[in-house]
Amino acid sequence: MAVIRPEKLSATKEALANVGAPSLTVTDVSGRGSQPVLTEQWRGEEYTVDLHQKVKVECVVADVPVDDVVEAIRDAAHTGESGDGKVFVLPVAHAVQIRTGDTGVDAV
């Protein structure tokens, strides 16, 4: 699972496909971390933006080395600026494909 900048989604999808992990789920999220709070104006009123728009990318792999997936996401999403995001590696205890009933690695 990775939380990245929205503008890096296309590069991240391409990088994952290149390492053999093209299947993913993408969710629009917002959050805050080390990225600074922004003060903006709209119709003459000042407001602060402390929750920044991000994209959560979830990718479950069985045959592709996890380190390759992490490196692909990191390389594709990296800008070198605060707010680039994070990658979280989680174990998957079990998987079942709904359509076929396949389980385990076959479901992934």
PDB file of N, CA and C in Angstrom:
ATOM      1  N   MET A   1       0.859  -1.157   0.000  1.00  0.00           N
ATOM      2  CA  MET A   1       0.000   0.000   0.000  1.00  0.00           C
ATOM      3  C   MET A   1       0.907   1.223   0.000  1.00  0.00           C
ATOM      4  N   ALA A   2       0.572   2.191  -0.835  1.00  0.00           N
ATOM      5  CA  ALA A   2       1.357   3.417  -0.905  1.00  0.00           C
ATOM      6  C   ALA A   2       0.412   4.609  -0.927  1.00  0.00           C
ATOM      7  N   VAL A   3       0.834   5.683  -0.299  1.00  0.00           N
ATOM      8  CA  VAL A   3       0.111   6.941  -0.355  1.00  0.00           C
ATOM      9  C   VAL A   3       1.044   7.919  -1.054  1.00  0.00           C
ATOM     10  N   ILE A   4       0.603   8.420  -2.227  1.00  0.00           N
ATOM     11  CA  ILE A   4       1.486   9.234  -3.072  1.00  0.00           C
ATOM     12  C   ILE A   4       0.766  10.489  -3.545  1.00  0.00           C
ATOM     13  N   ARG A   5       1.520  11.359  -4.199  1.00  0.00           N
ATOM     14  CA  ARG A   5       0.950  12.560  -4.809  1.00  0.00           C
ATOM     15  C   ARG A   5       0.101  12.148  -6.020  1.00  0.00           C
ATOM     16  N   PRO A   6      -1.051  12.801  -6.215  1.00  0.00           N
ATOM     17  CA  PRO A   6      -1.908  12.440  -7.356  1.00  0.00           C
ATOM     18  C   PRO A   6      -1.212  12.566  -8.711  1.00  0.00           C
ATOM     19  N   GLU A   7      -0.344  13.548  -8.849  1.00  0.00           N
ATOM     20  CA  GLU A   7       0.315  13.752 -10.142  1.00  0.00           C
ATOM     21  C   GLU A   7       1.346  12.668 -10.457  1.00  0.00           C
ATOM     22  N   LYS A   8       1.660  11.804  -9.488  1.00  0.00           N
ATOM     23  CA  LYS A   8       2.616  10.719  -9.703  1.00  0.00           C
ATOM     24  C   LYS A   8       1.933   9.377  -9.960  1.00  0.00           C
ATOM     25  N   LEU A   9       0.608   9.377 -10.043  1.00  0.00           N
ATOM     26  CA  LEU A   9      -0.127   8.123 -10.236  1.00  0.00           C
ATOM     27  C   LEU A   9       0.202   7.467 -11.564  1.00  0.00           C
ATOM     28  N   SER A  10       0.222   8.224 -12.626  1.00  0.00           N
ATOM     29  CA  SER A  10       0.483   7.652 -13.951  1.00  0.00           C
ATOM     30  C   SER A  10       1.859   6.986 -14.007  1.00  0.00           C
ATOM     31  N   ALA A  11       2.864   7.663 -13.490  1.00  0.00           N
ATOM     32  CA  ALA A  11       4.219   7.103 -13.484  1.00  0.00           C
ATOM     33  C   ALA A  11       4.289   5.859 -12.602  1.00  0.00           C
ATOM     34  N   THR A  12       3.555   5.863 -11.501  1.00  0.00           N
ATOM     35  CA  THR A  12       3.543   4.719 -10.590  1.00  0.00           C
ATOM     36  C   THR A  12       2.867   3.516 -11.237  1.00  0.00           C
ATOM     37  N   LYS A  13       1.741   3.738 -11.928  1.00  0.00           N
ATOM     38  CA  LYS A  13       1.066   2.639 -12.631  1.00  0.00           C
ATOM     39  C   LYS A  13       1.994   2.018 -13.669  1.00  0.00           C
ATOM     40  N   GLU A  14       2.683   2.850 -14.412  1.00  0.00           N
ATOM     41  CA  GLU A  14       3.606   2.360 -15.440  1.00  0.00           C
ATOM     42  C   GLU A  14       4.757   1.573 -14.812  1.00  0.00           C
ATOM     43  N   ALA A  15       5.302   2.082 -13.716  1.00  0.00           N
ATOM     44  CA  ALA A  15       6.413   1.400 -13.043  1.00  0.00           C
ATOM     45  C   ALA A  15       5.983   0.043 -12.502  1.00  0.00           C
ATOM     46  N   LEU A  16       4.773  -0.026 -11.932  1.00  0.00           N
ATOM     47  CA  LEU A  16       4.278  -1.309 -11.430  1.00  0.00           C
ATOM     48  C   LEU A  16       4.065  -2.306 -12.566  1.00  0.00           C
ATOM     49  N   ALA A  17       3.547  -1.846 -13.684  1.00  0.00           N
ATOM     50  CA  ALA A  17       3.364  -2.730 -14.842  1.00  0.00           C
ATOM     51  C   ALA A  17       4.712  -3.249 -15.334  1.00  0.00           C
ATOM     52  N   ASN A  18       5.732  -2.399 -15.296  1.00  0.00           N
ATOM     53  CA  ASN A  18       7.064  -2.792 -15.769  1.00  0.00           C
ATOM     54  C   ASN A  18       7.712  -3.866 -14.900  1.00  0.00           C
ATOM     55  N   VAL A  19       7.364  -3.935 -13.609  1.00  0.00           N
ATOM     56  CA  VAL A  19       7.935  -4.976 -12.745  1.00  0.00           C
ATOM     57  C   VAL A  19       7.032  -6.202 -12.654  1.00  0.00           C
ATOM     58  N   GLY A  20       5.934  -6.203 -13.400  1.00  0.00           N
ATOM     59  CA  GLY A  20       5.052  -7.364 -13.438  1.00  0.00           C
ATOM     60  C   GLY A  20       3.946  -7.343 -12.405  1.00  0.00           C
ATOM     61  N   ALA A  21       3.586  -6.145 -11.921  1.00  0.00           N
ATOM     62  CA  ALA A  21       2.510  -6.023 -10.937  1.00  0.00           C
ATOM     63  C   ALA A  21       1.483  -5.003 -11.426  1.00  0.00           C
ATOM     64  N   PRO A  22       0.753  -5.326 -12.517  1.00  0.00           N
ATOM     65  CA  PRO A  22      -0.157  -4.341 -13.103  1.00  0.00           C
ATOM     66  C   PRO A  22      -1.496  -4.188 -12.368  1.00  0.00           C
ATOM     67  N   SER A  23      -1.867  -5.150 -11.522  1.00  0.00           N
ATOM     68  CA  SER A  23      -3.162  -5.090 -10.845  1.00  0.00           C
ATOM     69  C   SER A  23      -3.063  -4.206  -9.608  1.00  0.00           C
ATOM     70  N   LEU A  24      -3.976  -3.250  -9.510  1.00  0.00           N
ATOM     71  CA  LEU A  24      -3.950  -2.356  -8.359  1.00  0.00           C
ATOM     72  C   LEU A  24      -5.311  -1.750  -8.115  1.00  0.00           C
ATOM     73  N   THR A  25      -5.469  -1.192  -6.930  1.00  0.00           N
ATOM     74  CA  THR A  25      -6.668  -0.461  -6.555  1.00  0.00           C
ATOM     75  C   THR A  25      -6.229   0.938  -6.173  1.00  0.00           C
ATOM     76  N   VAL A  26      -6.939   1.947  -6.670  1.00  0.00           N
ATOM     77  CA  VAL A  26      -6.574   3.341  -6.413  1.00  0.00           C
ATOM     78  C   VAL A  26      -7.748   4.036  -5.730  1.00  0.00           C
ATOM     79  N   THR A  27      -7.442   4.765  -4.662  1.00  0.00           N
ATOM     80  CA  THR A  27      -8.450   5.500  -3.906  1.00  0.00           C
ATOM     81  C   THR A  27      -7.958   6.929  -3.704  1.00  0.00           C
ATOM     82  N   ASP A  28      -8.841   7.914  -3.911  1.00  0.00           N
ATOM     83  CA  ASP A  28      -8.508   9.302  -3.594  1.00  0.00           C
ATOM     84  C   ASP A  28      -8.674   9.491  -2.093  1.00  0.00           C
ATOM     85  N   VAL A  29      -7.634   9.994  -1.447  1.00  0.00           N
ATOM     86  CA  VAL A  29      -7.656  10.218  -0.013  1.00  0.00           C
ATOM     87  C   VAL A  29      -7.077  11.595   0.296  1.00  0.00           C
ATOM     88  N   SER A  30      -7.208  12.027   1.522  1.00  0.00           N
ATOM     89  CA  SER A  30      -6.531  13.241   1.960  1.00  0.00           C
ATOM     90  C   SER A  30      -5.911  12.962   3.310  1.00  0.00           C
ATOM     91  N   GLY A  31      -4.826  13.666   3.590  1.00  0.00           N
ATOM     92  CA  GLY A  31      -4.140  13.434   4.848  1.00  0.00           C
ATOM     93  C   GLY A  31      -3.095  14.498   5.086  1.00  0.00           C
ATOM     94  N   ARG A  32      -2.418  14.362   6.217  1.00  0.00           N
ATOM     95  CA  ARG A  32      -1.352  15.303   6.499  1.00  0.00           C
ATOM     96  C   ARG A  32      -0.216  14.574   7.186  1.00  0.00           C
ATOM     97  N   GLY A  33       0.945  15.121   6.979  1.00  0.00           N
ATOM     98  CA  GLY A  33       2.152  14.557   7.573  1.00  0.00           C
ATOM     99  C   GLY A  33       3.166  15.672   7.680  1.00  0.00           C
ATOM    100  N   SER A  34       4.295  15.510   7.015  1.00  0.00           N
ATOM    101  CA  SER A  34       5.351  16.513   7.100  1.00  0.00           C
ATOM    102  C   SER A  34       5.165  17.664   6.120  1.00  0.00           C
ATOM    103  N   GLN A  35       4.222  17.538   5.209  1.00  0.00           N
ATOM    104  CA  GLN A  35       3.974  18.593   4.228  1.00  0.00           C
ATOM    105  C   GLN A  35       3.419  19.822   4.949  1.00  0.00           C
ATOM    106  N   PRO A  36       3.935  21.020   4.646  1.00  0.00           N
ATOM    107  CA  PRO A  36       3.506  22.210   5.390  1.00  0.00           C
ATOM    108  C   PRO A  36       2.047  22.593   5.123  1.00  0.00           C
ATOM    109  N   VAL A  37       1.457  23.258   6.111  1.00  0.00           N
ATOM    110  CA  VAL A  37       0.100  23.784   5.987  1.00  0.00           C
ATOM    111  C   VAL A  37       0.136  24.969   5.027  1.00  0.00           C
ATOM    112  N   LEU A  38      -0.826  25.031   4.107  1.00  0.00           N
ATOM    113  CA  LEU A  38      -0.902  26.129   3.148  1.00  0.00           C
ATOM    114  C   LEU A  38      -1.999  27.100   3.558  1.00  0.00           C
ATOM    115  N   THR A  39      -1.751  28.379   3.352  1.00  0.00           N
ATOM    116  CA  THR A  39      -2.777  29.396   3.559  1.00  0.00           C
ATOM    117  C   THR A  39      -3.130  29.943   2.193  1.00  0.00           C
ATOM    118  N   GLU A  40      -4.403  29.862   1.823  1.00  0.00           N
ATOM    119  CA  GLU A  40      -4.853  30.311   0.510  1.00  0.00           C
ATOM    120  C   GLU A  40      -6.035  31.255   0.663  1.00  0.00           C
ATOM    121  N   GLN A  41      -6.423  31.886  -0.452  1.00  0.00           N
ATOM    122  CA  GLN A  41      -7.577  32.777  -0.444  1.00  0.00           C
ATOM    123  C   GLN A  41      -8.578  32.336  -1.493  1.00  0.00           C
ATOM    124  N   TRP A  42      -9.843  32.486  -1.159  1.00  0.00           N
ATOM    125  CA  TRP A  42     -10.913  32.209  -2.105  1.00  0.00           C
ATOM    126  C   TRP A  42     -12.009  33.226  -1.851  1.00  0.00           C
ATOM    127  N   ARG A  43     -12.332  33.994  -2.877  1.00  0.00           N
ATOM    128  CA  ARG A  43     -13.334  35.062  -2.786  1.00  0.00           C
ATOM    129  C   ARG A  43     -13.063  36.019  -1.624  1.00  0.00           C
ATOM    130  N   GLY A  44     -11.795  36.348  -1.464  1.00  0.00           N
ATOM    131  CA  GLY A  44     -11.408  37.316  -0.455  1.00  0.00           C
ATOM    132  C   GLY A  44     -11.269  36.762   0.948  1.00  0.00           C
ATOM    133  N   GLU A  45     -11.613  35.510   1.149  1.00  0.00           N
ATOM    134  CA  GLU A  45     -11.511  34.892   2.471  1.00  0.00           C
ATOM    135  C   GLU A  45     -10.273  34.010   2.535  1.00  0.00           C
ATOM    136  N   GLU A  46      -9.548  34.110   3.620  1.00  0.00           N
ATOM    137  CA  GLU A  46      -8.361  33.292   3.816  1.00  0.00           C
ATOM    138  C   GLU A  46      -8.751  31.980   4.498  1.00  0.00           C
ATOM    139  N   TYR A  47      -8.147  30.901   4.061  1.00  0.00           N
ATOM    140  CA  TYR A  47      -8.376  29.599   4.695  1.00  0.00           C
ATOM    141  C   TYR A  47      -7.094  28.793   4.676  1.00  0.00           C
ATOM    142  N   THR A  48      -7.001  27.815   5.554  1.00  0.00           N
ATOM    143  CA  THR A  48      -5.808  26.974   5.608  1.00  0.00           C
ATOM    144  C   THR A  48      -6.126  25.587   5.068  1.00  0.00           C
ATOM    145  N   VAL A  49      -5.146  25.021   4.402  1.00  0.00           N
ATOM    146  CA  VAL A  49      -5.246  23.664   3.873  1.00  0.00           C
ATOM    147  C   VAL A  49      -4.244  22.822   4.651  1.00  0.00           C
ATOM    148  N   ASP A  50      -4.752  22.010   5.574  1.00  0.00           N
ATOM    149  CA  ASP A  50      -3.846  21.142   6.332  1.00  0.00           C
ATOM    150  C   ASP A  50      -4.027  19.666   5.978  1.00  0.00           C
ATOM    151  N   LEU A  51      -5.064  19.355   5.197  1.00  0.00           N
ATOM    152  CA  LEU A  51      -5.231  18.010   4.653  1.00  0.00           C
ATOM    153  C   LEU A  51      -4.982  18.086   3.155  1.00  0.00           C
ATOM    154  N   HIS A  52      -3.926  17.423   2.709  1.00  0.00           N
ATOM    155  CA  HIS A  52      -3.527  17.484   1.309  1.00  0.00           C
ATOM    156  C   HIS A  52      -4.093  16.293   0.539  1.00  0.00           C
ATOM    157  N   GLN A  53      -4.463  16.535  -0.711  1.00  0.00           N
ATOM    158  CA  GLN A  53      -5.008  15.472  -1.554  1.00  0.00           C
ATOM    159  C   GLN A  53      -3.894  14.485  -1.901  1.00  0.00           C
ATOM    160  N   LYS A  54      -4.178  13.213  -1.732  1.00  0.00           N
ATOM    161  CA  LYS A  54      -3.242  12.135  -2.027  1.00  0.00           C
ATOM    162  C   LYS A  54      -3.984  11.026  -2.755  1.00  0.00           C
ATOM    163  N   VAL A  55      -3.231  10.045  -3.212  1.00  0.00           N
ATOM    164  CA  VAL A  55      -3.797   8.855  -3.842  1.00  0.00           C
ATOM    165  C   VAL A  55      -3.243   7.650  -3.102  1.00  0.00           C
ATOM    166  N   LYS A  56      -4.136   6.743  -2.701  1.00  0.00           N
ATOM    167  CA  LYS A  56      -3.701   5.501  -2.063  1.00  0.00           C
ATOM    168  C   LYS A  56      -3.725   4.408  -3.126  1.00  0.00           C
ATOM    169  N   VAL A  57      -2.588   3.767  -3.307  1.00  0.00           N
ATOM    170  CA  VAL A  57      -2.439   2.700  -4.290  1.00  0.00           C
ATOM    171  C   VAL A  57      -2.234   1.399  -3.521  1.00  0.00           C
ATOM    172  N   GLU A  58      -3.092   0.423  -3.786  1.00  0.00           N
ATOM    173  CA  GLU A  58      -2.959  -0.884  -3.153  1.00  0.00           C
ATOM    174  C   GLU A  58      -2.648  -1.918  -4.231  1.00  0.00           C
ATOM    175  N   CYS A  59      -1.626  -2.705  -3.984  1.00  0.00           N
ATOM    176  CA  CYS A  59      -1.164  -3.687  -4.960  1.00  0.00           C
ATOM    177  C   CYS A  59      -0.775  -4.954  -4.207  1.00  0.00           C
ATOM    178  N   VAL A  60      -1.477  -6.056  -4.466  1.00  0.00           N
ATOM    179  CA  VAL A  60      -1.160  -7.331  -3.824  1.00  0.00           C
ATOM    180  C   VAL A  60      -0.394  -8.177  -4.830  1.00  0.00           C
ATOM    181  N   VAL A  61       0.764  -8.691  -4.403  1.00  0.00           N
ATOM    182  CA  VAL A  61       1.589  -9.510  -5.292  1.00  0.00           C
ATOM    183  C   VAL A  61       1.905 -10.841  -4.632  1.00  0.00           C
ATOM    184  N   ALA A  62       2.094 -11.851  -5.457  1.00  0.00           N
ATOM    185  CA  ALA A  62       2.469 -13.171  -4.961  1.00  0.00           C
ATOM    186  C   ALA A  62       3.745 -13.657  -5.644  1.00  0.00           C
ATOM    187  N   ASP A  63       3.868 -13.407  -6.947  1.00  0.00           N
ATOM    188  CA  ASP A  63       5.003 -13.914  -7.717  1.00  0.00           C
ATOM    189  C   ASP A  63       6.086 -12.870  -7.954  1.00  0.00           C
ATOM    190  N   VAL A  64       5.792 -11.616  -7.649  1.00  0.00           N
ATOM    191  CA  VAL A  64       6.745 -10.529  -7.867  1.00  0.00           C
ATOM    192  C   VAL A  64       7.403 -10.214  -6.527  1.00  0.00           C
ATOM    193  N   PRO A  65       8.731 -10.108  -6.483  1.00  0.00           N
ATOM    194  CA  PRO A  65       9.395  -9.768  -5.223  1.00  0.00           C
ATOM    195  C   PRO A  65       8.903  -8.423  -4.672  1.00  0.00           C
ATOM    196  N   VAL A  66       8.589  -8.416  -3.388  1.00  0.00           N
ATOM    197  CA  VAL A  66       8.053  -7.215  -2.748  1.00  0.00           C
ATOM    198  C   VAL A  66       9.034  -6.050  -2.871  1.00  0.00           C
ATOM    199  N   ASP A  67      10.323  -6.331  -2.741  1.00  0.00           N
ATOM    200  CA  ASP A  67      11.312  -5.257  -2.837  1.00  0.00           C
ATOM    201  C   ASP A  67      11.294  -4.584  -4.207  1.00  0.00           C
ATOM    202  N   ASP A  68      11.011  -5.348  -5.269  1.00  0.00           N
ATOM    203  CA  ASP A  68      10.902  -4.769  -6.610  1.00  0.00           C
ATOM    204  C   ASP A  68       9.709  -3.825  -6.704  1.00  0.00           C
ATOM    205  N   VAL A  69       8.598  -4.220  -6.082  1.00  0.00           N
ATOM    206  CA  VAL A  69       7.389  -3.394  -6.088  1.00  0.00           C
ATOM    207  C   VAL A  69       7.631  -2.096  -5.316  1.00  0.00           C
ATOM    208  N   VAL A  70       8.233  -2.216  -4.136  1.00  0.00           N
ATOM    209  CA  VAL A  70       8.514  -1.040  -3.309  1.00  0.00           C
ATOM    210  C   VAL A  70       9.448  -0.083  -4.043  1.00  0.00           C
ATOM    211  N   GLU A  71      10.495  -0.623  -4.648  1.00  0.00           N
ATOM    212  CA  GLU A  71      11.453   0.216  -5.378  1.00  0.00           C
ATOM    213  C   GLU A  71      10.796   0.898  -6.576  1.00  0.00           C
ATOM    214  N   ALA A  72       9.929   0.178  -7.281  1.00  0.00           N
ATOM    215  CA  ALA A  72       9.238   0.762  -8.429  1.00  0.00           C
ATOM    216  C   ALA A  72       8.358   1.931  -7.997  1.00  0.00           C
ATOM    217  N   ILE A  73       7.616   1.758  -6.905  1.00  0.00           N
ATOM    218  CA  ILE A  73       6.761   2.838  -6.415  1.00  0.00           C
ATOM    219  C   ILE A  73       7.615   4.011  -5.962  1.00  0.00           C
ATOM    220  N   ARG A  74       8.666   3.729  -5.199  1.00  0.00           N
ATOM    221  CA  ARG A  74       9.513   4.802  -4.675  1.00  0.00           C
ATOM    222  C   ARG A  74      10.151   5.598  -5.812  1.00  0.00           C
ATOM    223  N   ASP A  75      10.690   4.913  -6.793  1.00  0.00           N
ATOM    224  CA  ASP A  75      11.332   5.611  -7.914  1.00  0.00           C
ATOM    225  C   ASP A  75      10.327   6.448  -8.709  1.00  0.00           C
ATOM    226  N   ALA A  76       9.138   5.908  -8.926  1.00  0.00           N
ATOM    227  CA  ALA A  76       8.141   6.603  -9.747  1.00  0.00           C
ATOM    228  C   ALA A  76       7.503   7.782  -9.018  1.00  0.00           C
ATOM    229  N   ALA A  77       7.334   7.680  -7.702  1.00  0.00           N
ATOM    230  CA  ALA A  77       6.628   8.717  -6.945  1.00  0.00           C
ATOM    231  C   ALA A  77       7.556   9.761  -6.335  1.00  0.00           C
ATOM    232  N   HIS A  78       8.850   9.575  -6.445  1.00  0.00           N
ATOM    233  CA  HIS A  78       9.822  10.459  -5.800  1.00  0.00           C
ATOM    234  C   HIS A  78       9.940  11.814  -6.491  1.00  0.00           C
ATOM    235  N   THR A  79       9.826  12.887  -5.706  1.00  0.00           N
ATOM    236  CA  THR A  79      10.124  14.237  -6.209  1.00  0.00           C
ATOM    237  C   THR A  79      11.241  14.876  -5.400  1.00  0.00           C
ATOM    238  N   GLY A  80      11.508  14.334  -4.213  1.00  0.00           N
ATOM    239  CA  GLY A  80      12.516  14.905  -3.346  1.00  0.00           C
ATOM    240  C   GLY A  80      11.979  16.000  -2.445  1.00  0.00           C
ATOM    241  N   GLU A  81      10.685  16.268  -2.525  1.00  0.00           N
ATOM    242  CA  GLU A  81      10.079  17.315  -1.713  1.00  0.00           C
ATOM    243  C   GLU A  81       9.240  16.690  -0.601  1.00  0.00           C
ATOM    244  N   SER A  82       8.979  17.487   0.425  1.00  0.00           N
ATOM    245  CA  SER A  82       8.124  17.042   1.516  1.00  0.00           C
ATOM    246  C   SER A  82       6.744  16.694   0.967  1.00  0.00           C
ATOM    247  N   GLY A  83       6.172  15.587   1.435  1.00  0.00           N
ATOM    248  CA  GLY A  83       4.849  15.179   0.980  1.00  0.00           C
ATOM    249  C   GLY A  83       4.855  14.176  -0.153  1.00  0.00           C
ATOM    250  N   ASP A  84       6.005  13.573  -0.441  1.00  0.00           N
ATOM    251  CA  ASP A  84       6.067  12.556  -1.495  1.00  0.00           C
ATOM    252  C   ASP A  84       5.237  11.325  -1.166  1.00  0.00           C
ATOM    253  N   GLY A  85       5.075  11.018   0.107  1.00  0.00           N
ATOM    254  CA  GLY A  85       4.245   9.892   0.506  1.00  0.00           C
ATOM    255  C   GLY A  85       5.032   8.797   1.183  1.00  0.00           C
ATOM    256  N   LYS A  86       4.387   7.658   1.331  1.00  0.00           N
ATOM    257  CA  LYS A  86       4.996   6.517   2.009  1.00  0.00           C
ATOM    258  C   LYS A  86       4.514   5.221   1.368  1.00  0.00           C
ATOM    259  N   VAL A  87       5.315   4.167   1.558  1.00  0.00           N
ATOM    260  CA  VAL A  87       4.948   2.824   1.130  1.00  0.00           C
ATOM    261  C   VAL A  87       4.878   1.967   2.386  1.00  0.00           C
ATOM    262  N   PHE A  88       3.782   1.224   2.533  1.00  0.00           N
ATOM    263  CA  PHE A  88       3.608   0.314   3.660  1.00  0.00           C
ATOM    264  C   PHE A  88       3.523  -1.103   3.109  1.00  0.00           C
ATOM    265  N   VAL A  89       4.290  -2.017   3.674  1.00  0.00           N
ATOM    266  CA  VAL A  89       4.268  -3.413   3.250  1.00  0.00           C
ATOM    267  C   VAL A  89       3.525  -4.203   4.319  1.00  0.00           C
ATOM    268  N   LEU A  90       2.437  -4.848   3.903  1.00  0.00           N
ATOM    269  CA  LEU A  90       1.588  -5.597   4.819  1.00  0.00           C
ATOM    270  C   LEU A  90       1.483  -7.045   4.353  1.00  0.00           C
ATOM    271  N   PRO A  91       1.460  -7.989   5.270  1.00  0.00           N
ATOM    272  CA  PRO A  91       1.246  -9.378   4.858  1.00  0.00           C
ATOM    273  C   PRO A  91      -0.237  -9.615   4.543  1.00  0.00           C
ATOM    274  N   VAL A  92      -0.486 -10.461   3.568  1.00  0.00           N
ATOM    275  CA  VAL A  92      -1.860 -10.855   3.240  1.00  0.00           C
ATOM    276  C   VAL A  92      -2.030 -12.277   3.747  1.00  0.00           C
ATOM    277  N   ALA A  93      -2.941 -12.452   4.694  1.00  0.00           N
ATOM    278  CA  ALA A  93      -3.123 -13.764   5.324  1.00  0.00           C
ATOM    279  C   ALA A  93      -3.794 -14.766   4.390  1.00  0.00           C
ATOM    280  N   HIS A  94      -4.738 -14.288   3.581  1.00  0.00           N
ATOM    281  CA  HIS A  94      -5.495 -15.202   2.736  1.00  0.00           C
ATOM    282  C   HIS A  94      -6.158 -14.397   1.623  1.00  0.00           C
ATOM    283  N   ALA A  95      -6.354 -14.993   0.481  1.00  0.00           N
ATOM    284  CA  ALA A  95      -7.042 -14.337  -0.637  1.00  0.00           C
ATOM    285  C   ALA A  95      -7.995 -15.330  -1.291  1.00  0.00           C
ATOM    286  N   VAL A  96      -9.170 -14.850  -1.676  1.00  0.00           N
ATOM    287  CA  VAL A  96     -10.160 -15.662  -2.377  1.00  0.00           C
ATOM    288  C   VAL A  96     -10.676 -14.847  -3.547  1.00  0.00           C
ATOM    289  N   GLN A  97     -10.611 -15.408  -4.756  1.00  0.00           N
ATOM    290  CA  GLN A  97     -11.177 -14.736  -5.922  1.00  0.00           C
ATOM    291  C   GLN A  97     -12.666 -15.042  -5.952  1.00  0.00           C
ATOM    292  N   ILE A  98     -13.463 -14.017  -5.943  1.00  0.00           N
ATOM    293  CA  ILE A  98     -14.915 -14.177  -5.831  1.00  0.00           C
ATOM    294  C   ILE A  98     -15.495 -14.940  -7.018  1.00  0.00           C
ATOM    295  N   ARG A  99     -15.097 -14.604  -8.240  1.00  0.00           N
ATOM    296  CA  ARG A  99     -15.695 -15.217  -9.433  1.00  0.00           C
ATOM    297  C   ARG A  99     -15.426 -16.706  -9.525  1.00  0.00           C
ATOM    298  N   THR A 100     -14.152 -17.120  -9.294  1.00  0.00           N
ATOM    299  CA  THR A 100     -13.785 -18.529  -9.517  1.00  0.00           C
ATOM    300  C   THR A 100     -13.698 -19.355  -8.253  1.00  0.00           C
ATOM    301  N   GLY A 101     -13.556 -18.683  -7.104  1.00  0.00           N
ATOM    302  CA  GLY A 101     -13.366 -19.415  -5.865  1.00  0.00           C
ATOM    303  C   GLY A 101     -11.917 -19.811  -5.618  1.00  0.00           C
ATOM    304  N   ASP A 102     -11.003 -19.409  -6.538  1.00  0.00           N
ATOM    305  CA  ASP A 102      -9.583 -19.697  -6.325  1.00  0.00           C
ATOM    306  C   ASP A 102      -9.107 -19.073  -5.025  1.00  0.00           C
ATOM    307  N   THR A 103      -8.147 -19.742  -4.381  1.00  0.00           N
ATOM    308  CA  THR A 103      -7.639 -19.224  -3.117  1.00  0.00           C
ATOM    309  C   THR A 103      -6.121 -19.121  -3.167  1.00  0.00           C
ATOM    310  N   GLY A 104      -5.574 -18.393  -2.189  1.00  0.00           N
ATOM    311  CA  GLY A 104      -4.122 -18.265  -2.068  1.00  0.00           C
ATOM    312  C   GLY A 104      -3.504 -17.548  -3.249  1.00  0.00           C
ATOM    313  N   VAL A 105      -2.354 -18.049  -3.679  1.00  0.00           N
ATOM    314  CA  VAL A 105      -1.606 -17.442  -4.787  1.00  0.00           C
ATOM    315  C   VAL A 105      -2.430 -17.430  -6.072  1.00  0.00           C
ATOM    316  N   ASP A 106      -3.236 -18.449  -6.295  1.00  0.00           N
ATOM    317  CA  ASP A 106      -4.059 -18.511  -7.509  1.00  0.00           C
ATOM    318  C   ASP A 106      -5.086 -17.383  -7.548  1.00  0.00           C
ATOM    319  N   ALA A 107      -5.509 -16.896  -6.398  1.00  0.00           N
ATOM    320  CA  ALA A 107      -6.488 -15.809  -6.341  1.00  0.00           C
ATOM    321  C   ALA A 107      -5.857 -14.459  -6.646  1.00  0.00           C
ATOM    322  N   VAL A 108      -4.555 -14.345  -6.390  1.00  0.00           N
ATOM    323  CA  VAL A 108      -3.866 -13.082  -6.614  1.00  0.00           C
ATOM    324  C   VAL A 108      -3.570 -12.945  -8.090  1.00  0.00           C
TER     325      VAL A 108
END
